[in-house]
Amino acid sequence: MAEHKKQYQNERIIRISSSSAANDGQAITLEGKLHLLPTETKGIVLFAHDSGSSRHSIRNNYVAQALHNAGIATLLVDLLTPEEDADIRTQNILYRLPSGLVPNKFNTKLLAKRLITATNWIMEDPDTQDLINNIGYFGASTGSAAALIASSSVERPSAISAIVSCGGRPDLAGLEALSKVQAPTLLIVGDNDAKSVIDFNNDALKQLKSVQKKKLVIIPGATHLVEEASSLKEVARLASGWFACYFLIKKHSSSNNQ
């Protein structure tokens, strides 16, 4: 269920109520920014961020604008509530895993459940019905792992047409989840990021054993989240090209099968 709070031409703020079963016993409400296009749309991309700042992130909004220019709708959703995000910022520990206590931002399974909730909302909302067969995920940091986990855990995995990870930790998805991913996947890292992060991405790429189209791109001069102006422009170009390509392939394939 969603409550529409504001509307700006093709953009509106949404609130998605999530059942307690999907949130470790807690009933929560996710907020997001949905941007639809007045013209024919290739698909829709959900942004997965590891904190509650997804719809306010300068990087995410810059990439989203590039996607709009490429004919792609977007949903920038906050996967954590303001309260949970505040706990992260003060380094309070909220979630217990077998390995010990961790902040919510590293609880990739929780983030994946929230992303699936947002995906289900797209499947059900009347305004997005023409997009439900062409959904993409753009993940950053630990949100990348959440996107990979969610892609094979949603009710209709075939609806996920492409995934882009930027400055991400895809390895945190785990070997089992990585082996189940089927959507074409692009991993983007900066060459000035920590060597361990680049190695994590290389290793994750090898574990995407069910993915036929996969690629790792290392951007010269870019740091961890690839937020430098020139680097961000390249991220936007790569992401919009990747999503547009595989959205069109899916659409043409569906047309030929009818």
C-alpha atoms as a PDB file:
ATOM      1  CA  MET A   1       0.000   0.000   0.000  1.00  0.00           C
ATOM      2  CA  ALA A   2       1.241   3.492  -0.765  1.00  0.00           C
ATOM      3  CA  GLU A   3       0.235   6.991   0.209  1.00  0.00           C
ATOM      4  CA  HIS A   4       1.006   9.738  -2.288  1.00  0.00           C
ATOM      5  CA  LYS A   5       2.307  12.811  -0.455  1.00  0.00           C
ATOM      6  CA  LYS A   6       3.367  15.186  -3.257  1.00  0.00           C
ATOM      7  CA  GLN A   7       3.338  15.340  -6.989  1.00  0.00           C
ATOM      8  CA  TYR A   8       5.703  17.260  -9.238  1.00  0.00           C
ATOM      9  CA  GLN A   9       4.783  16.659 -12.867  1.00  0.00           C
ATOM     10  CA  ASN A  10       6.053  13.080 -13.384  1.00  0.00           C
ATOM     11  CA  GLU A  11       7.530  12.735  -9.905  1.00  0.00           C
ATOM     12  CA  ARG A  12       5.929  11.891  -6.615  1.00  0.00           C
ATOM     13  CA  ILE A  13       6.912  10.908  -3.094  1.00  0.00           C
ATOM     14  CA  ILE A  14       5.574   7.519  -2.045  1.00  0.00           C
ATOM     15  CA  ARG A  15       5.236   5.672   1.230  1.00  0.00           C
ATOM     16  CA  ILE A  16       5.342   1.876   1.127  1.00  0.00           C
ATOM     17  CA  SER A  17       3.976  -0.045   4.099  1.00  0.00           C
ATOM     18  CA  SER A  18       5.807  -3.287   4.683  1.00  0.00           C
ATOM     19  CA  SER A  19       4.431  -6.257   6.588  1.00  0.00           C
ATOM     20  CA  SER A  20       6.142  -7.214   9.834  1.00  0.00           C
ATOM     21  CA  ALA A  21       6.985 -10.636   8.410  1.00  0.00           C
ATOM     22  CA  ALA A  22       9.347  -9.006   5.918  1.00  0.00           C
ATOM     23  CA  ASN A  23      11.080  -6.889   8.537  1.00  0.00           C
ATOM     24  CA  ASP A  24      12.169  -9.135  11.364  1.00  0.00           C
ATOM     25  CA  GLY A  25       9.030  -8.614  13.401  1.00  0.00           C
ATOM     26  CA  GLN A  26       8.694  -4.871  12.841  1.00  0.00           C
ATOM     27  CA  ALA A  27       6.042  -3.078  10.788  1.00  0.00           C
ATOM     28  CA  ILE A  28       7.803  -0.219   8.987  1.00  0.00           C
ATOM     29  CA  THR A  29       7.144   2.312   6.244  1.00  0.00           C
ATOM     30  CA  LEU A  30       9.629   2.966   3.449  1.00  0.00           C
ATOM     31  CA  GLU A  31       9.730   6.327   1.692  1.00  0.00           C
ATOM     32  CA  GLY A  32      10.798   6.793  -1.897  1.00  0.00           C
ATOM     33  CA  LYS A  33      10.772   9.104  -4.894  1.00  0.00           C
ATOM     34  CA  LEU A  34       9.126   7.721  -8.021  1.00  0.00           C
ATOM     35  CA  HIS A  35       9.890   9.390 -11.346  1.00  0.00           C
ATOM     36  CA  LEU A  36       7.814   8.313 -14.348  1.00  0.00           C
ATOM     37  CA  LEU A  37       8.241   9.582 -17.895  1.00  0.00           C
ATOM     38  CA  PRO A  38       5.559  11.122 -20.138  1.00  0.00           C
ATOM     39  CA  THR A  39       6.940   9.247 -23.142  1.00  0.00           C
ATOM     40  CA  GLU A  40       7.400   5.550 -23.877  1.00  0.00           C
ATOM     41  CA  THR A  41       9.583   4.064 -21.157  1.00  0.00           C
ATOM     42  CA  LYS A  42      12.110   1.252 -21.547  1.00  0.00           C
ATOM     43  CA  GLY A  43      11.888   0.079 -17.923  1.00  0.00           C
ATOM     44  CA  ILE A  44      12.319   1.176 -14.313  1.00  0.00           C
ATOM     45  CA  VAL A  45      15.391   1.132 -12.041  1.00  0.00           C
ATOM     46  CA  LEU A  46      15.251   0.809  -8.253  1.00  0.00           C
ATOM     47  CA  PHE A  47      18.147   2.298  -6.296  1.00  0.00           C
ATOM     48  CA  ALA A  48      19.459   0.237  -3.381  1.00  0.00           C
ATOM     49  CA  HIS A  49      21.450   2.247  -0.842  1.00  0.00           C
ATOM     50  CA  ASP A  50      22.968   1.047   2.412  1.00  0.00           C
ATOM     51  CA  SER A  51      21.527   3.874   4.486  1.00  0.00           C
ATOM     52  CA  GLY A  52      18.345   5.932   4.511  1.00  0.00           C
ATOM     53  CA  SER A  53      19.781   8.569   2.160  1.00  0.00           C
ATOM     54  CA  SER A  54      19.009   6.954  -1.191  1.00  0.00           C
ATOM     55  CA  ARG A  55      16.498   9.495  -2.484  1.00  0.00           C
ATOM     56  CA  HIS A  56      18.585  12.437  -1.269  1.00  0.00           C
ATOM     57  CA  SER A  57      21.962  11.173  -2.467  1.00  0.00           C
ATOM     58  CA  ILE A  58      23.644  13.499  -4.960  1.00  0.00           C
ATOM     59  CA  ARG A  59      25.172  10.521  -6.752  1.00  0.00           C
ATOM     60  CA  ASN A  60      21.899   8.622  -6.988  1.00  0.00           C
ATOM     61  CA  ASN A  61      19.972  11.637  -8.239  1.00  0.00           C
ATOM     62  CA  TYR A  62      22.647  12.388 -10.833  1.00  0.00           C
ATOM     63  CA  VAL A  63      22.515   8.826 -12.148  1.00  0.00           C
ATOM     64  CA  ALA A  64      18.707   8.870 -12.014  1.00  0.00           C
ATOM     65  CA  GLN A  65      18.631  11.974 -14.206  1.00  0.00           C
ATOM     66  CA  ALA A  66      20.838  10.240 -16.765  1.00  0.00           C
ATOM     67  CA  LEU A  67      18.433   7.309 -16.749  1.00  0.00           C
ATOM     68  CA  HIS A  68      15.472   9.640 -17.305  1.00  0.00           C
ATOM     69  CA  ASN A  69      17.303  11.118 -20.293  1.00  0.00           C
ATOM     70  CA  ALA A  70      17.713   7.567 -21.617  1.00  0.00           C
ATOM     71  CA  GLY A  71      13.989   6.862 -21.328  1.00  0.00           C
ATOM     72  CA  ILE A  72      14.103   4.929 -18.052  1.00  0.00           C
ATOM     73  CA  ALA A  73      11.895   5.532 -14.996  1.00  0.00           C
ATOM     74  CA  THR A  74      13.363   5.413 -11.467  1.00  0.00           C
ATOM     75  CA  LEU A  75      12.402   4.688  -7.885  1.00  0.00           C
ATOM     76  CA  LEU A  76      14.846   5.965  -5.282  1.00  0.00           C
ATOM     77  CA  VAL A  77      13.739   4.255  -2.100  1.00  0.00           C
ATOM     78  CA  ASP A  78      15.098   4.580   1.421  1.00  0.00           C
ATOM     79  CA  LEU A  79      15.701   1.002   2.541  1.00  0.00           C
ATOM     80  CA  LEU A  80      16.061   2.043   6.178  1.00  0.00           C
ATOM     81  CA  THR A  81      13.718   4.189   8.245  1.00  0.00           C
ATOM     82  CA  PRO A  82      14.969   7.545   9.604  1.00  0.00           C
ATOM     83  CA  GLU A  83      15.260   5.952  13.046  1.00  0.00           C
ATOM     84  CA  GLU A  84      17.353   3.070  11.745  1.00  0.00           C
ATOM     85  CA  ASP A  85      19.526   5.436   9.730  1.00  0.00           C
ATOM     86  CA  ALA A  86      20.101   7.618  12.794  1.00  0.00           C
ATOM     87  CA  ASP A  87      21.247   4.543  14.684  1.00  0.00           C
ATOM     88  CA  ILE A  88      23.745   3.841  11.913  1.00  0.00           C
ATOM     89  CA  ARG A  89      25.098   7.380  12.029  1.00  0.00           C
ATOM     90  CA  THR A  90      25.654   7.135  15.781  1.00  0.00           C
ATOM     91  CA  GLN A  91      27.153   3.649  15.336  1.00  0.00           C
ATOM     92  CA  ASN A  92      24.549   1.977  17.525  1.00  0.00           C
ATOM     93  CA  ILE A  93      24.444  -1.765  16.905  1.00  0.00           C
ATOM     94  CA  LEU A  94      21.004  -3.079  16.071  1.00  0.00           C
ATOM     95  CA  TYR A  95      21.134  -6.477  14.444  1.00  0.00           C
ATOM     96  CA  ARG A  96      22.576  -9.805  15.530  1.00  0.00           C
ATOM     97  CA  LEU A  97      23.982 -12.247  12.998  1.00  0.00           C
ATOM     98  CA  PRO A  98      25.627 -15.609  13.776  1.00  0.00           C
ATOM     99  CA  SER A  99      28.994 -13.882  13.466  1.00  0.00           C
ATOM    100  CA  GLY A 100      28.052 -11.230  16.028  1.00  0.00           C
ATOM    101  CA  LEU A 101      26.392  -7.819  16.253  1.00  0.00           C
ATOM    102  CA  VAL A 102      26.407  -5.592  13.166  1.00  0.00           C
ATOM    103  CA  PRO A 103      24.873  -2.240  12.128  1.00  0.00           C
ATOM    104  CA  ASN A 104      21.776  -2.454   9.916  1.00  0.00           C
ATOM    105  CA  LYS A 105      23.756  -1.093   6.947  1.00  0.00           C
ATOM    106  CA  PHE A 106      25.710  -4.368   6.833  1.00  0.00           C
ATOM    107  CA  ASN A 107      22.619  -6.545   7.237  1.00  0.00           C
ATOM    108  CA  THR A 108      22.365  -7.313   3.525  1.00  0.00           C
ATOM    109  CA  LYS A 109      19.513  -9.789   4.008  1.00  0.00           C
ATOM    110  CA  LEU A 110      17.410  -7.112   5.716  1.00  0.00           C
ATOM    111  CA  LEU A 111      18.198  -4.603   2.957  1.00  0.00           C
ATOM    112  CA  ALA A 112      17.318  -7.230   0.333  1.00  0.00           C
ATOM    113  CA  LYS A 113      13.944  -7.871   2.004  1.00  0.00           C
ATOM    114  CA  ARG A 114      13.209  -4.150   1.899  1.00  0.00           C
ATOM    115  CA  LEU A 115      14.220  -3.992  -1.771  1.00  0.00           C
ATOM    116  CA  ILE A 116      11.882  -6.899  -2.527  1.00  0.00           C
ATOM    117  CA  THR A 117       9.106  -4.991  -0.746  1.00  0.00           C
ATOM    118  CA  ALA A 118       9.724  -2.017  -3.052  1.00  0.00           C
ATOM    119  CA  THR A 119       9.800  -4.332  -6.065  1.00  0.00           C
ATOM    120  CA  ASN A 120       6.451  -5.802  -5.064  1.00  0.00           C
ATOM    121  CA  TRP A 121       5.061  -2.279  -4.800  1.00  0.00           C
ATOM    122  CA  ILE A 122       6.051  -1.661  -8.440  1.00  0.00           C
ATOM    123  CA  MET A 123       4.330  -4.907  -9.394  1.00  0.00           C
ATOM    124  CA  GLU A 124       1.092  -3.731  -7.743  1.00  0.00           C
ATOM    125  CA  ASP A 125       0.916   0.026  -8.352  1.00  0.00           C
ATOM    126  CA  PRO A 126      -1.445   0.962 -11.238  1.00  0.00           C
ATOM    127  CA  ASP A 127       0.955   3.605 -12.606  1.00  0.00           C
ATOM    128  CA  THR A 128       3.819   1.152 -13.095  1.00  0.00           C
ATOM    129  CA  GLN A 129       2.001  -1.820 -14.619  1.00  0.00           C
ATOM    130  CA  ASP A 130       3.611  -1.309 -18.031  1.00  0.00           C
ATOM    131  CA  LEU A 131       7.068  -1.570 -16.433  1.00  0.00           C
ATOM    132  CA  ILE A 132       6.780  -4.743 -14.361  1.00  0.00           C
ATOM    133  CA  ASN A 133       8.582  -6.933 -16.894  1.00  0.00           C
ATOM    134  CA  ASN A 134      11.636  -4.670 -17.131  1.00  0.00           C
ATOM    135  CA  ILE A 135      13.003  -3.855 -13.684  1.00  0.00           C
ATOM    136  CA  GLY A 136      16.622  -2.999 -12.915  1.00  0.00           C
ATOM    137  CA  TYR A 137      18.594  -2.566  -9.692  1.00  0.00           C
ATOM    138  CA  PHE A 138      21.299   0.072  -9.103  1.00  0.00           C
ATOM    139  CA  GLY A 139      23.194  -0.701  -5.904  1.00  0.00           C
ATOM    140  CA  ALA A 140      25.915   1.169  -4.043  1.00  0.00           C
ATOM    141  CA  SER A 141      28.145  -0.025  -1.199  1.00  0.00           C
ATOM    142  CA  THR A 142      26.352  -2.812   0.724  1.00  0.00           C
ATOM    143  CA  GLY A 143      23.210  -1.994  -1.280  1.00  0.00           C
ATOM    144  CA  SER A 144      24.917  -3.816  -4.156  1.00  0.00           C
ATOM    145  CA  ALA A 145      24.834  -7.068  -2.202  1.00  0.00           C
ATOM    146  CA  ALA A 146      21.182  -6.454  -1.345  1.00  0.00           C
ATOM    147  CA  ALA A 147      20.383  -5.957  -5.040  1.00  0.00           C
ATOM    148  CA  LEU A 148      22.080  -9.222  -5.995  1.00  0.00           C
ATOM    149  CA  ILE A 149      20.297 -11.159  -3.248  1.00  0.00           C
ATOM    150  CA  ALA A 150      16.921  -9.640  -4.128  1.00  0.00           C
ATOM    151  CA  SER A 151      17.292 -10.321  -7.860  1.00  0.00           C
ATOM    152  CA  SER A 152      16.958 -14.073  -7.356  1.00  0.00           C
ATOM    153  CA  SER A 153      14.648 -13.911  -4.329  1.00  0.00           C
ATOM    154  CA  VAL A 154      11.784 -11.812  -5.710  1.00  0.00           C
ATOM    155  CA  GLU A 155       8.562 -13.565  -6.651  1.00  0.00           C
ATOM    156  CA  ARG A 156       9.382 -13.174 -10.363  1.00  0.00           C
ATOM    157  CA  PRO A 157      13.177 -13.227 -10.850  1.00  0.00           C
ATOM    158  CA  SER A 158      12.669 -13.043 -14.625  1.00  0.00           C
ATOM    159  CA  ALA A 159      11.337  -9.493 -14.173  1.00  0.00           C
ATOM    160  CA  ILE A 160      14.813  -8.306 -13.117  1.00  0.00           C
ATOM    161  CA  SER A 161      16.459  -7.447 -16.420  1.00  0.00           C
ATOM    162  CA  ALA A 162      19.758  -5.876 -15.329  1.00  0.00           C
ATOM    163  CA  ILE A 163      21.859  -4.949 -12.295  1.00  0.00           C
ATOM    164  CA  VAL A 164      24.521  -2.261 -11.830  1.00  0.00           C
ATOM    165  CA  SER A 165      26.791  -2.116  -8.779  1.00  0.00           C
ATOM    166  CA  CYS A 166      28.743   1.090  -8.110  1.00  0.00           C
ATOM    167  CA  GLY A 167      31.509   1.151  -5.508  1.00  0.00           C
ATOM    168  CA  GLY A 168      29.807  -1.881  -4.083  1.00  0.00           C
ATOM    169  CA  ARG A 169      30.509  -4.916  -1.957  1.00  0.00           C
ATOM    170  CA  PRO A 170      28.842  -7.641  -4.062  1.00  0.00           C
ATOM    171  CA  ASP A 171      30.823 -10.266  -2.161  1.00  0.00           C
ATOM    172  CA  LEU A 172      28.629  -9.630   0.888  1.00  0.00           C
ATOM    173  CA  ALA A 173      25.746 -11.278  -0.965  1.00  0.00           C
ATOM    174  CA  GLY A 174      27.419 -14.621  -0.283  1.00  0.00           C
ATOM    175  CA  LEU A 175      28.401 -17.434  -2.615  1.00  0.00           C
ATOM    176  CA  GLU A 176      24.964 -19.055  -2.702  1.00  0.00           C
ATOM    177  CA  ALA A 177      23.140 -15.843  -3.633  1.00  0.00           C
ATOM    178  CA  LEU A 178      25.755 -14.896  -6.245  1.00  0.00           C
ATOM    179  CA  SER A 179      25.422 -18.295  -7.901  1.00  0.00           C
ATOM    180  CA  LYS A 180      21.648 -17.773  -8.295  1.00  0.00           C
ATOM    181  CA  VAL A 181      21.806 -14.364  -9.985  1.00  0.00           C
ATOM    182  CA  GLN A 182      20.718 -14.499 -13.625  1.00  0.00           C
ATOM    183  CA  ALA A 183      20.314 -10.862 -14.668  1.00  0.00           C
ATOM    184  CA  PRO A 184      23.094  -9.176 -16.707  1.00  0.00           C
ATOM    185  CA  THR A 185      25.360  -7.546 -14.115  1.00  0.00           C
ATOM    186  CA  LEU A 186      27.785  -4.615 -14.357  1.00  0.00           C
ATOM    187  CA  LEU A 187      30.228  -4.004 -11.495  1.00  0.00           C
ATOM    188  CA  ILE A 188      31.846  -0.543 -11.328  1.00  0.00           C
ATOM    189  CA  VAL A 189      34.733   0.370  -9.016  1.00  0.00           C
ATOM    190  CA  GLY A 190      37.302   3.135  -8.839  1.00  0.00           C
ATOM    191  CA  ASP A 191      40.970   2.356  -9.335  1.00  0.00           C
ATOM    192  CA  ASN A 192      41.751   4.483  -6.257  1.00  0.00           C
ATOM    193  CA  ASP A 193      39.479   2.365  -4.095  1.00  0.00           C
ATOM    194  CA  ALA A 194      41.056  -0.035  -1.624  1.00  0.00           C
ATOM    195  CA  LYS A 195      42.703  -2.994  -3.326  1.00  0.00           C
ATOM    196  CA  SER A 196      40.589  -5.285  -1.167  1.00  0.00           C
ATOM    197  CA  VAL A 197      37.364  -3.802  -2.595  1.00  0.00           C
ATOM    198  CA  ILE A 198      38.612  -4.258  -6.165  1.00  0.00           C
ATOM    199  CA  ASP A 199      39.560  -7.846  -5.301  1.00  0.00           C
ATOM    200  CA  PHE A 200      36.124  -8.422  -3.736  1.00  0.00           C
ATOM    201  CA  ASN A 201      34.491  -7.292  -6.994  1.00  0.00           C
ATOM    202  CA  ASN A 202      36.770  -9.488  -9.102  1.00  0.00           C
ATOM    203  CA  ASP A 203      35.971 -12.488  -6.926  1.00  0.00           C
ATOM    204  CA  ALA A 204      32.222 -11.751  -6.999  1.00  0.00           C
ATOM    205  CA  LEU A 205      32.309 -11.509 -10.795  1.00  0.00           C
ATOM    206  CA  LYS A 206      33.709 -15.036 -10.966  1.00  0.00           C
ATOM    207  CA  GLN A 207      30.958 -16.305  -8.662  1.00  0.00           C
ATOM    208  CA  LEU A 208      28.165 -15.017 -10.927  1.00  0.00           C
ATOM    209  CA  LYS A 209      28.163 -18.417 -12.579  1.00  0.00           C
ATOM    210  CA  SER A 210      24.573 -18.257 -13.892  1.00  0.00           C
ATOM    211  CA  VAL A 211      25.006 -14.805 -15.471  1.00  0.00           C
ATOM    212  CA  GLN A 212      25.751 -14.855 -19.187  1.00  0.00           C
ATOM    213  CA  LYS A 213      26.439 -11.123 -19.519  1.00  0.00           C
ATOM    214  CA  LYS A 214      28.655  -9.716 -16.784  1.00  0.00           C
ATOM    215  CA  LYS A 215      31.416  -7.130 -16.667  1.00  0.00           C
ATOM    216  CA  LEU A 216      33.745  -5.337 -14.270  1.00  0.00           C
ATOM    217  CA  VAL A 217      34.722  -1.756 -15.124  1.00  0.00           C
ATOM    218  CA  ILE A 218      37.468   0.045 -13.194  1.00  0.00           C
ATOM    219  CA  ILE A 219      37.249   3.834 -13.568  1.00  0.00           C
ATOM    220  CA  PRO A 220      40.637   5.636 -13.558  1.00  0.00           C
ATOM    221  CA  GLY A 221      41.052   8.207 -10.795  1.00  0.00           C
ATOM    222  CA  ALA A 222      37.836   7.267  -9.001  1.00  0.00           C
ATOM    223  CA  THR A 223      37.634   6.576  -5.262  1.00  0.00           C
ATOM    224  CA  HIS A 224      35.344   4.284  -3.274  1.00  0.00           C
ATOM    225  CA  LEU A 225      31.826   5.512  -4.121  1.00  0.00           C
ATOM    226  CA  VAL A 226      32.944   7.020  -7.452  1.00  0.00           C
ATOM    227  CA  GLU A 227      31.602  10.468  -6.538  1.00  0.00           C
ATOM    228  CA  GLU A 228      34.148  12.692  -8.320  1.00  0.00           C
ATOM    229  CA  ALA A 229      32.485  14.836 -11.020  1.00  0.00           C
ATOM    230  CA  SER A 230      34.201  13.241 -14.002  1.00  0.00           C
ATOM    231  CA  SER A 231      33.911   9.760 -12.525  1.00  0.00           C
ATOM    232  CA  LEU A 232      30.229  10.217 -11.711  1.00  0.00           C
ATOM    233  CA  LYS A 233      29.573  11.269 -15.295  1.00  0.00           C
ATOM    234  CA  GLU A 234      31.177   8.031 -16.456  1.00  0.00           C
ATOM    235  CA  VAL A 235      29.111   5.999 -13.971  1.00  0.00           C
ATOM    236  CA  ALA A 236      25.932   7.617 -15.302  1.00  0.00           C
ATOM    237  CA  ARG A 237      26.972   6.853 -18.887  1.00  0.00           C
ATOM    238  CA  LEU A 238      27.824   3.230 -18.120  1.00  0.00           C
ATOM    239  CA  ALA A 239      24.697   2.602 -16.044  1.00  0.00           C
ATOM    240  CA  SER A 240      22.255   4.196 -18.495  1.00  0.00           C
ATOM    241  CA  GLY A 241      23.845   2.287 -21.379  1.00  0.00           C
ATOM    242  CA  TRP A 242      23.730  -1.038 -19.508  1.00  0.00           C
ATOM    243  CA  PHE A 243      20.098  -0.696 -18.446  1.00  0.00           C
ATOM    244  CA  ALA A 244      18.916   0.639 -21.812  1.00  0.00           C
ATOM    245  CA  CYS A 245      20.649  -2.199 -23.657  1.00  0.00           C
ATOM    246  CA  TYR A 246      19.210  -5.046 -21.616  1.00  0.00           C
ATOM    247  CA  PHE A 247      15.779  -3.459 -21.232  1.00  0.00           C
ATOM    248  CA  LEU A 248      15.528  -3.278 -25.028  1.00  0.00           C
ATOM    249  CA  ILE A 249      16.808  -6.835 -25.433  1.00  0.00           C
ATOM    250  CA  LYS A 250      14.137  -8.065 -22.981  1.00  0.00           C
ATOM    251  CA  LYS A 251      11.414  -6.045 -24.719  1.00  0.00           C
ATOM    252  CA  HIS A 252      12.354  -7.310 -28.186  1.00  0.00           C
ATOM    253  CA  SER A 253      12.603 -10.885 -26.906  1.00  0.00           C
ATOM    254  CA  SER A 254       9.145 -10.645 -25.351  1.00  0.00           C
ATOM    255  CA  SER A 255       7.698  -9.236 -28.581  1.00  0.00           C
ATOM    256  CA  ASN A 256       9.194 -12.053 -30.647  1.00  0.00           C
ATOM    257  CA  ASN A 257       7.731 -14.667 -28.308  1.00  0.00           C
ATOM    258  CA  GLN A 258       4.192 -13.330 -28.581  1.00  0.00           C
END
